[in-house]
């Protein structure tokens, strides 16, 4: 069985990796949103454009997979 300090350090590293992954995901979404010629938030939520929603959702899922693979090695 792991010692308490080892379990605590594993828990803290897990939380740190989760925060880092979420920050990278948000940063990636923000970069793509800035470089697209239209405002994705407006197109998705105000105009109901499903194609833009699918595009941005696919991007987020793909980026999340890349971040997860990079973190796990």
PDB file of N, CA and C in Angstrom:
ATOM      1  N   UNK A   1       0.834  -1.182   0.000  1.00  0.00           N
ATOM      2  CA  UNK A   1       0.000   0.000   0.000  1.00  0.00           C
ATOM      3  C   UNK A   1       0.875   1.240   0.000  1.00  0.00           C
ATOM      4  N   UNK A   2       0.432   2.279  -0.711  1.00  0.00           N
ATOM      5  CA  UNK A   2       1.200   3.511  -0.800  1.00  0.00           C
ATOM      6  C   UNK A   2       1.134   4.291   0.509  1.00  0.00           C
ATOM      7  N   UNK A   3       2.220   5.012   0.780  1.00  0.00           N
ATOM      8  CA  UNK A   3       2.223   5.867   1.957  1.00  0.00           C
ATOM      9  C   UNK A   3       1.304   7.058   1.733  1.00  0.00           C
ATOM     10  N   UNK A   4       0.975   7.737   2.802  1.00  0.00           N
ATOM     11  CA  UNK A   4       0.079   8.893   2.712  1.00  0.00           C
ATOM     12  C   UNK A   4       0.709  10.009   1.892  1.00  0.00           C
ATOM     13  N   UNK A   5       2.014  10.205   2.031  1.00  0.00           N
ATOM     14  CA  UNK A   5       2.666  11.274   1.267  1.00  0.00           C
ATOM     15  C   UNK A   5       2.682  10.942  -0.214  1.00  0.00           C
ATOM     16  N   UNK A   6       2.854   9.684  -0.560  1.00  0.00           N
ATOM     17  CA  UNK A   6       2.844   9.288  -1.963  1.00  0.00           C
ATOM     18  C   UNK A   6       1.444   9.462  -2.545  1.00  0.00           C
ATOM     19  N   UNK A   7       0.433   9.092  -1.786  1.00  0.00           N
ATOM     20  CA  UNK A   7      -0.935   9.252  -2.260  1.00  0.00           C
ATOM     21  C   UNK A   7      -1.289  10.724  -2.422  1.00  0.00           C
ATOM     22  N   UNK A   8      -0.818  11.545  -1.508  1.00  0.00           N
ATOM     23  CA  UNK A   8      -1.081  12.978  -1.595  1.00  0.00           C
ATOM     24  C   UNK A   8      -0.382  13.573  -2.803  1.00  0.00           C
ATOM     25  N   UNK A   9       0.859  13.176  -3.048  1.00  0.00           N
ATOM     26  CA  UNK A   9       1.585  13.728  -4.191  1.00  0.00           C
ATOM     27  C   UNK A   9       0.962  13.260  -5.505  1.00  0.00           C
ATOM     28  N   UNK A  10       0.482  12.040  -5.547  1.00  0.00           N
ATOM     29  CA  UNK A  10      -0.191  11.548  -6.751  1.00  0.00           C
ATOM     30  C   UNK A  10      -1.479  12.331  -6.990  1.00  0.00           C
ATOM     31  N   UNK A  11      -2.226  12.592  -5.927  1.00  0.00           N
ATOM     32  CA  UNK A  11      -3.455  13.368  -6.041  1.00  0.00           C
ATOM     33  C   UNK A  11      -3.170  14.790  -6.512  1.00  0.00           C
ATOM     34  N   UNK A  12      -2.143  15.413  -5.939  1.00  0.00           N
ATOM     35  CA  UNK A  12      -1.796  16.776  -6.335  1.00  0.00           C
ATOM     36  C   UNK A  12      -1.320  16.831  -7.782  1.00  0.00           C
ATOM     37  N   UNK A  13      -0.537  15.868  -8.213  1.00  0.00           N
ATOM     38  CA  UNK A  13      -0.089  15.829  -9.608  1.00  0.00           C
ATOM     39  C   UNK A  13      -1.258  15.607 -10.561  1.00  0.00           C
ATOM     40  N   UNK A  14      -2.205  14.792 -10.167  1.00  0.00           N
ATOM     41  CA  UNK A  14      -3.388  14.562 -10.993  1.00  0.00           C
ATOM     42  C   UNK A  14      -4.193  15.845 -11.153  1.00  0.00           C
ATOM     43  N   UNK A  15      -4.375  16.559 -10.061  1.00  0.00           N
ATOM     44  CA  UNK A  15      -5.096  17.831 -10.116  1.00  0.00           C
ATOM     45  C   UNK A  15      -4.334  18.843 -10.957  1.00  0.00           C
ATOM     46  N   UNK A  16      -3.011  18.889 -10.810  1.00  0.00           N
ATOM     47  CA  UNK A  16      -2.190  19.804 -11.600  1.00  0.00           C
ATOM     48  C   UNK A  16      -2.294  19.490 -13.086  1.00  0.00           C
ATOM     49  N   UNK A  17      -2.221  18.214 -13.460  1.00  0.00           N
ATOM     50  CA  UNK A  17      -2.347  17.831 -14.863  1.00  0.00           C
ATOM     51  C   UNK A  17      -3.739  18.148 -15.408  1.00  0.00           C
ATOM     52  N   UNK A  18      -4.760  17.971 -14.596  1.00  0.00           N
ATOM     53  CA  UNK A  18      -6.122  18.300 -15.043  1.00  0.00           C
ATOM     54  C   UNK A  18      -6.258  19.800 -15.303  1.00  0.00           C
ATOM     55  N   UNK A  19      -5.720  20.615 -14.415  1.00  0.00           N
ATOM     56  CA  UNK A  19      -5.780  22.066 -14.597  1.00  0.00           C
ATOM     57  C   UNK A  19      -4.966  22.488 -15.812  1.00  0.00           C
ATOM     58  N   UNK A  20      -3.782  21.908 -15.974  1.00  0.00           N
ATOM     59  CA  UNK A  20      -2.935  22.226 -17.123  1.00  0.00           C
ATOM     60  C   UNK A  20      -3.613  21.823 -18.437  1.00  0.00           C
ATOM     61  N   UNK A  21      -4.214  20.647 -18.469  1.00  0.00           N
ATOM     62  CA  UNK A  21      -4.909  20.191 -19.665  1.00  0.00           C
ATOM     63  C   UNK A  21      -6.087  21.078 -20.010  1.00  0.00           C
ATOM     64  N   UNK A  22      -6.848  21.473 -19.008  1.00  0.00           N
ATOM     65  CA  UNK A  22      -7.989  22.353 -19.235  1.00  0.00           C
ATOM     66  C   UNK A  22      -7.527  23.723 -19.733  1.00  0.00           C
ATOM     67  N   UNK A  23      -6.447  24.239 -19.154  1.00  0.00           N
ATOM     68  CA  UNK A  23      -5.919  25.536 -19.591  1.00  0.00           C
ATOM     69  C   UNK A  23      -5.442  25.465 -21.044  1.00  0.00           C
ATOM     70  N   UNK A  24      -4.767  24.389 -21.411  1.00  0.00           N
ATOM     71  CA  UNK A  24      -4.315  24.229 -22.794  1.00  0.00           C
ATOM     72  C   UNK A  24      -5.491  24.100 -23.750  1.00  0.00           C
ATOM     73  N   UNK A  25      -6.521  23.408 -23.327  1.00  0.00           N
ATOM     74  CA  UNK A  25      -7.710  23.252 -24.160  1.00  0.00           C
ATOM     75  C   UNK A  25      -8.407  24.598 -24.385  1.00  0.00           C
ATOM     76  N   UNK A  26      -8.548  25.371 -23.336  1.00  0.00           N
ATOM     77  CA  UNK A  26      -9.168  26.693 -23.461  1.00  0.00           C
ATOM     78  C   UNK A  26      -8.304  27.605 -24.319  1.00  0.00           C
ATOM     79  N   UNK A  27      -6.996  27.557 -24.131  1.00  0.00           N
ATOM     80  CA  UNK A  27      -6.086  28.370 -24.943  1.00  0.00           C
ATOM     81  C   UNK A  27      -6.175  27.988 -26.422  1.00  0.00           C
ATOM     82  N   UNK A  28      -6.215  26.707 -26.708  1.00  0.00           N
ATOM     83  CA  UNK A  28      -6.343  26.261 -28.090  1.00  0.00           C
ATOM     84  C   UNK A  28      -7.644  26.698 -28.723  1.00  0.00           C
ATOM     85  N   UNK A  29      -8.730  26.597 -27.989  1.00  0.00           N
ATOM     86  CA  UNK A  29     -10.030  27.052 -28.504  1.00  0.00           C
ATOM     87  C   UNK A  29     -10.000  28.548 -28.759  1.00  0.00           C
ATOM     88  N   UNK A  30      -9.416  29.302 -27.840  1.00  0.00           N
ATOM     89  CA  UNK A  30      -9.345  30.748 -27.981  1.00  0.00           C
ATOM     90  C   UNK A  30      -8.529  31.132 -29.217  1.00  0.00           C
ATOM     91  N   UNK A  31      -7.414  30.443 -29.454  1.00  0.00           N
ATOM     92  CA  UNK A  31      -6.581  30.736 -30.622  1.00  0.00           C
ATOM     93  C   UNK A  31      -7.348  30.461 -31.910  1.00  0.00           C
ATOM     94  N   UNK A  32      -8.016  29.326 -31.985  1.00  0.00           N
ATOM     95  CA  UNK A  32      -8.773  29.002 -33.195  1.00  0.00           C
ATOM     96  C   UNK A  32      -9.922  29.993 -33.387  1.00  0.00           C
ATOM     97  N   UNK A  33     -10.579  30.359 -32.309  1.00  0.00           N
ATOM     98  CA  UNK A  33     -11.689  31.318 -32.412  1.00  0.00           C
ATOM     99  C   UNK A  33     -11.196  32.671 -32.896  1.00  0.00           C
ATOM    100  N   UNK A  34     -10.007  33.070 -32.501  1.00  0.00           N
ATOM    101  CA  UNK A  34      -9.453  34.358 -32.936  1.00  0.00           C
ATOM    102  C   UNK A  34      -9.055  34.348 -34.408  1.00  0.00           C
ATOM    103  N   UNK A  35      -8.581  33.202 -34.920  1.00  0.00           N
ATOM    104  CA  UNK A  35      -8.102  33.140 -36.293  1.00  0.00           C
ATOM    105  C   UNK A  35      -9.167  32.765 -37.316  1.00  0.00           C
ATOM    106  N   UNK A  36     -10.355  32.409 -36.861  1.00  0.00           N
ATOM    107  CA  UNK A  36     -11.436  32.155 -37.807  1.00  0.00           C
ATOM    108  C   UNK A  36     -12.028  33.492 -38.233  1.00  0.00           C
ATOM    109  N   UNK A  37     -12.499  33.588 -39.477  1.00  0.00           N
ATOM    110  CA  UNK A  37     -12.977  34.875 -39.966  1.00  0.00           C
ATOM    111  C   UNK A  37     -14.303  35.337 -39.360  1.00  0.00           C
ATOM    112  N   UNK A  38     -14.971  34.500 -38.630  1.00  0.00           N
ATOM    113  CA  UNK A  38     -16.255  34.871 -38.038  1.00  0.00           C
ATOM    114  C   UNK A  38     -16.238  34.563 -36.542  1.00  0.00           C
ATOM    115  N   UNK A  39     -17.148  35.121 -35.806  1.00  0.00           N
ATOM    116  CA  UNK A  39     -17.262  34.873 -34.375  1.00  0.00           C
ATOM    117  C   UNK A  39     -18.023  33.561 -34.163  1.00  0.00           C
ATOM    118  N   UNK A  40     -17.303  32.526 -33.745  1.00  0.00           N
ATOM    119  CA  UNK A  40     -17.914  31.204 -33.603  1.00  0.00           C
ATOM    120  C   UNK A  40     -19.003  31.198 -32.529  1.00  0.00           C
ATOM    121  N   UNK A  41     -18.770  31.907 -31.425  1.00  0.00           N
ATOM    122  CA  UNK A  41     -19.772  31.943 -30.360  1.00  0.00           C
ATOM    123  C   UNK A  41     -21.091  32.515 -30.862  1.00  0.00           C
ATOM    124  N   UNK A  42     -21.008  33.598 -31.622  1.00  0.00           N
ATOM    125  CA  UNK A  42     -22.218  34.223 -32.149  1.00  0.00           C
ATOM    126  C   UNK A  42     -22.916  33.300 -33.137  1.00  0.00           C
ATOM    127  N   UNK A  43     -22.145  32.667 -34.017  1.00  0.00           N
ATOM    128  CA  UNK A  43     -22.726  31.771 -35.019  1.00  0.00           C
ATOM    129  C   UNK A  43     -23.426  30.582 -34.356  1.00  0.00           C
ATOM    130  N   UNK A  44     -22.826  30.043 -33.323  1.00  0.00           N
ATOM    131  CA  UNK A  44     -23.381  28.848 -32.679  1.00  0.00           C
ATOM    132  C   UNK A  44     -24.598  29.190 -31.829  1.00  0.00           C
ATOM    133  N   UNK A  45     -24.457  30.159 -30.932  1.00  0.00           N
ATOM    134  CA  UNK A  45     -25.493  30.382 -29.928  1.00  0.00           C
ATOM    135  C   UNK A  45     -26.588  31.355 -30.360  1.00  0.00           C
ATOM    136  N   UNK A  46     -26.245  32.354 -31.158  1.00  0.00           N
ATOM    137  CA  UNK A  46     -27.273  33.315 -31.560  1.00  0.00           C
ATOM    138  C   UNK A  46     -27.945  32.925 -32.871  1.00  0.00           C
ATOM    139  N   UNK A  47     -27.134  32.442 -33.832  1.00  0.00           N
ATOM    140  CA  UNK A  47     -27.691  32.107 -35.141  1.00  0.00           C
ATOM    141  C   UNK A  47     -28.048  30.626 -35.270  1.00  0.00           C
ATOM    142  N   UNK A  48     -27.576  29.797 -34.357  1.00  0.00           N
ATOM    143  CA  UNK A  48     -27.899  28.372 -34.387  1.00  0.00           C
ATOM    144  C   UNK A  48     -27.255  27.616 -35.534  1.00  0.00           C
ATOM    145  N   UNK A  49     -26.069  28.016 -35.933  1.00  0.00           N
ATOM    146  CA  UNK A  49     -25.370  27.380 -37.043  1.00  0.00           C
ATOM    147  C   UNK A  49     -24.774  26.047 -36.577  1.00  0.00           C
ATOM    148  N   UNK A  50     -25.376  24.962 -37.004  1.00  0.00           N
ATOM    149  CA  UNK A  50     -24.963  23.631 -36.572  1.00  0.00           C
ATOM    150  C   UNK A  50     -23.612  23.258 -37.151  1.00  0.00           C
ATOM    151  N   UNK A  51     -23.316  23.694 -38.365  1.00  0.00           N
ATOM    152  CA  UNK A  51     -22.041  23.348 -38.999  1.00  0.00           C
ATOM    153  C   UNK A  51     -20.863  23.914 -38.210  1.00  0.00           C
ATOM    154  N   UNK A  52     -20.976  25.140 -37.748  1.00  0.00           N
ATOM    155  CA  UNK A  52     -19.908  25.738 -36.949  1.00  0.00           C
ATOM    156  C   UNK A  52     -19.791  25.017 -35.600  1.00  0.00           C
ATOM    157  N   UNK A  53     -20.911  24.639 -35.025  1.00  0.00           N
ATOM    158  CA  UNK A  53     -20.891  23.911 -33.760  1.00  0.00           C
ATOM    159  C   UNK A  53     -20.194  22.561 -33.911  1.00  0.00           C
ATOM    160  N   UNK A  54     -20.468  21.868 -35.003  1.00  0.00           N
ATOM    161  CA  UNK A  54     -19.807  20.575 -35.246  1.00  0.00           C
ATOM    162  C   UNK A  54     -18.318  20.782 -35.475  1.00  0.00           C
ATOM    163  N   UNK A  55     -17.956  21.806 -36.233  1.00  0.00           N
ATOM    164  CA  UNK A  55     -16.548  22.100 -36.497  1.00  0.00           C
ATOM    165  C   UNK A  55     -15.792  22.400 -35.207  1.00  0.00           C
ATOM    166  N   UNK A  56     -16.328  23.275 -34.385  1.00  0.00           N
ATOM    167  CA  UNK A  56     -15.641  23.641 -33.143  1.00  0.00           C
ATOM    168  C   UNK A  56     -15.636  22.478 -32.147  1.00  0.00           C
ATOM    169  N   UNK A  57     -16.718  21.712 -32.101  1.00  0.00           N
ATOM    170  CA  UNK A  57     -16.744  20.539 -31.234  1.00  0.00           C
ATOM    171  C   UNK A  57     -15.729  19.497 -31.647  1.00  0.00           C
ATOM    172  N   UNK A  58     -15.594  19.289 -32.938  1.00  0.00           N
ATOM    173  CA  UNK A  58     -14.601  18.347 -33.448  1.00  0.00           C
ATOM    174  C   UNK A  58     -13.190  18.820 -33.132  1.00  0.00           C
ATOM    175  N   UNK A  59     -12.971  20.113 -33.265  1.00  0.00           N
ATOM    176  CA  UNK A  59     -11.659  20.660 -32.935  1.00  0.00           C
ATOM    177  C   UNK A  59     -11.332  20.442 -31.463  1.00  0.00           C
ATOM    178  N   UNK A  60     -12.280  20.727 -30.591  1.00  0.00           N
ATOM    179  CA  UNK A  60     -12.044  20.576 -29.151  1.00  0.00           C
ATOM    180  C   UNK A  60     -11.762  19.114 -28.804  1.00  0.00           C
ATOM    181  N   UNK A  61     -12.532  18.193 -29.366  1.00  0.00           N
ATOM    182  CA  UNK A  61     -12.288  16.770 -29.093  1.00  0.00           C
ATOM    183  C   UNK A  61     -10.918  16.331 -29.598  1.00  0.00           C
ATOM    184  N   UNK A  62     -10.558  16.767 -30.802  1.00  0.00           N
ATOM    185  CA  UNK A  62      -9.247  16.411 -31.344  1.00  0.00           C
ATOM    186  C   UNK A  62      -8.122  16.981 -30.516  1.00  0.00           C
ATOM    187  N   UNK A  63      -8.248  18.224 -30.100  1.00  0.00           N
ATOM    188  CA  UNK A  63      -7.218  18.844 -29.273  1.00  0.00           C
ATOM    189  C   UNK A  63      -7.129  18.167 -27.910  1.00  0.00           C
ATOM    190  N   UNK A  64      -8.262  17.789 -27.350  1.00  0.00           N
ATOM    191  CA  UNK A  64      -8.253  17.091 -26.057  1.00  0.00           C
ATOM    192  C   UNK A  64      -7.530  15.749 -26.162  1.00  0.00           C
ATOM    193  N   UNK A  65      -7.731  15.046 -27.266  1.00  0.00           N
ATOM    194  CA  UNK A  65      -7.021  13.775 -27.455  1.00  0.00           C
ATOM    195  C   UNK A  65      -5.521  13.983 -27.567  1.00  0.00           C
ATOM    196  N   UNK A  66      -5.096  15.007 -28.272  1.00  0.00           N
ATOM    197  CA  UNK A  66      -3.674  15.299 -28.414  1.00  0.00           C
ATOM    198  C   UNK A  66      -3.068  15.679 -27.067  1.00  0.00           C
ATOM    199  N   UNK A  67      -3.741  16.523 -26.307  1.00  0.00           N
ATOM    200  CA  UNK A  67      -3.247  16.930 -24.984  1.00  0.00           C
ATOM    201  C   UNK A  67      -3.158  15.728 -24.056  1.00  0.00           C
ATOM    202  N   UNK A  68      -4.179  14.872 -24.061  1.00  0.00           N
ATOM    203  CA  UNK A  68      -4.164  13.686 -23.202  1.00  0.00           C
ATOM    204  C   UNK A  68      -3.038  12.736 -23.594  1.00  0.00           C
ATOM    205  N   UNK A  69      -2.815  12.555 -24.877  1.00  0.00           N
ATOM    206  CA  UNK A  69      -1.719  11.677 -25.319  1.00  0.00           C
ATOM    207  C   UNK A  69      -0.364  12.253 -24.944  1.00  0.00           C
ATOM    208  N   UNK A  70      -0.216  13.565 -25.048  1.00  0.00           N
ATOM    209  CA  UNK A  70       1.060  14.189 -24.686  1.00  0.00           C
ATOM    210  C   UNK A  70       1.318  14.089 -23.195  1.00  0.00           C
ATOM    211  N   UNK A  71       0.273  14.161 -22.383  1.00  0.00           N
ATOM    212  CA  UNK A  71       0.465  14.107 -20.928  1.00  0.00           C
ATOM    213  C   UNK A  71       0.735  12.686 -20.427  1.00  0.00           C
ATOM    214  N   UNK A  72       0.168  11.697 -21.090  1.00  0.00           N
ATOM    215  CA  UNK A  72       0.354  10.330 -20.620  1.00  0.00           C
ATOM    216  C   UNK A  72       1.623   9.696 -21.191  1.00  0.00           C
ATOM    217  N   UNK A  73       2.149  10.277 -22.224  1.00  0.00           N
ATOM    218  CA  UNK A  73       3.433   9.798 -22.768  1.00  0.00           C
ATOM    219  C   UNK A  73       3.272   8.855 -23.815  1.00  0.00           C
TER     220      UNK A  73
END
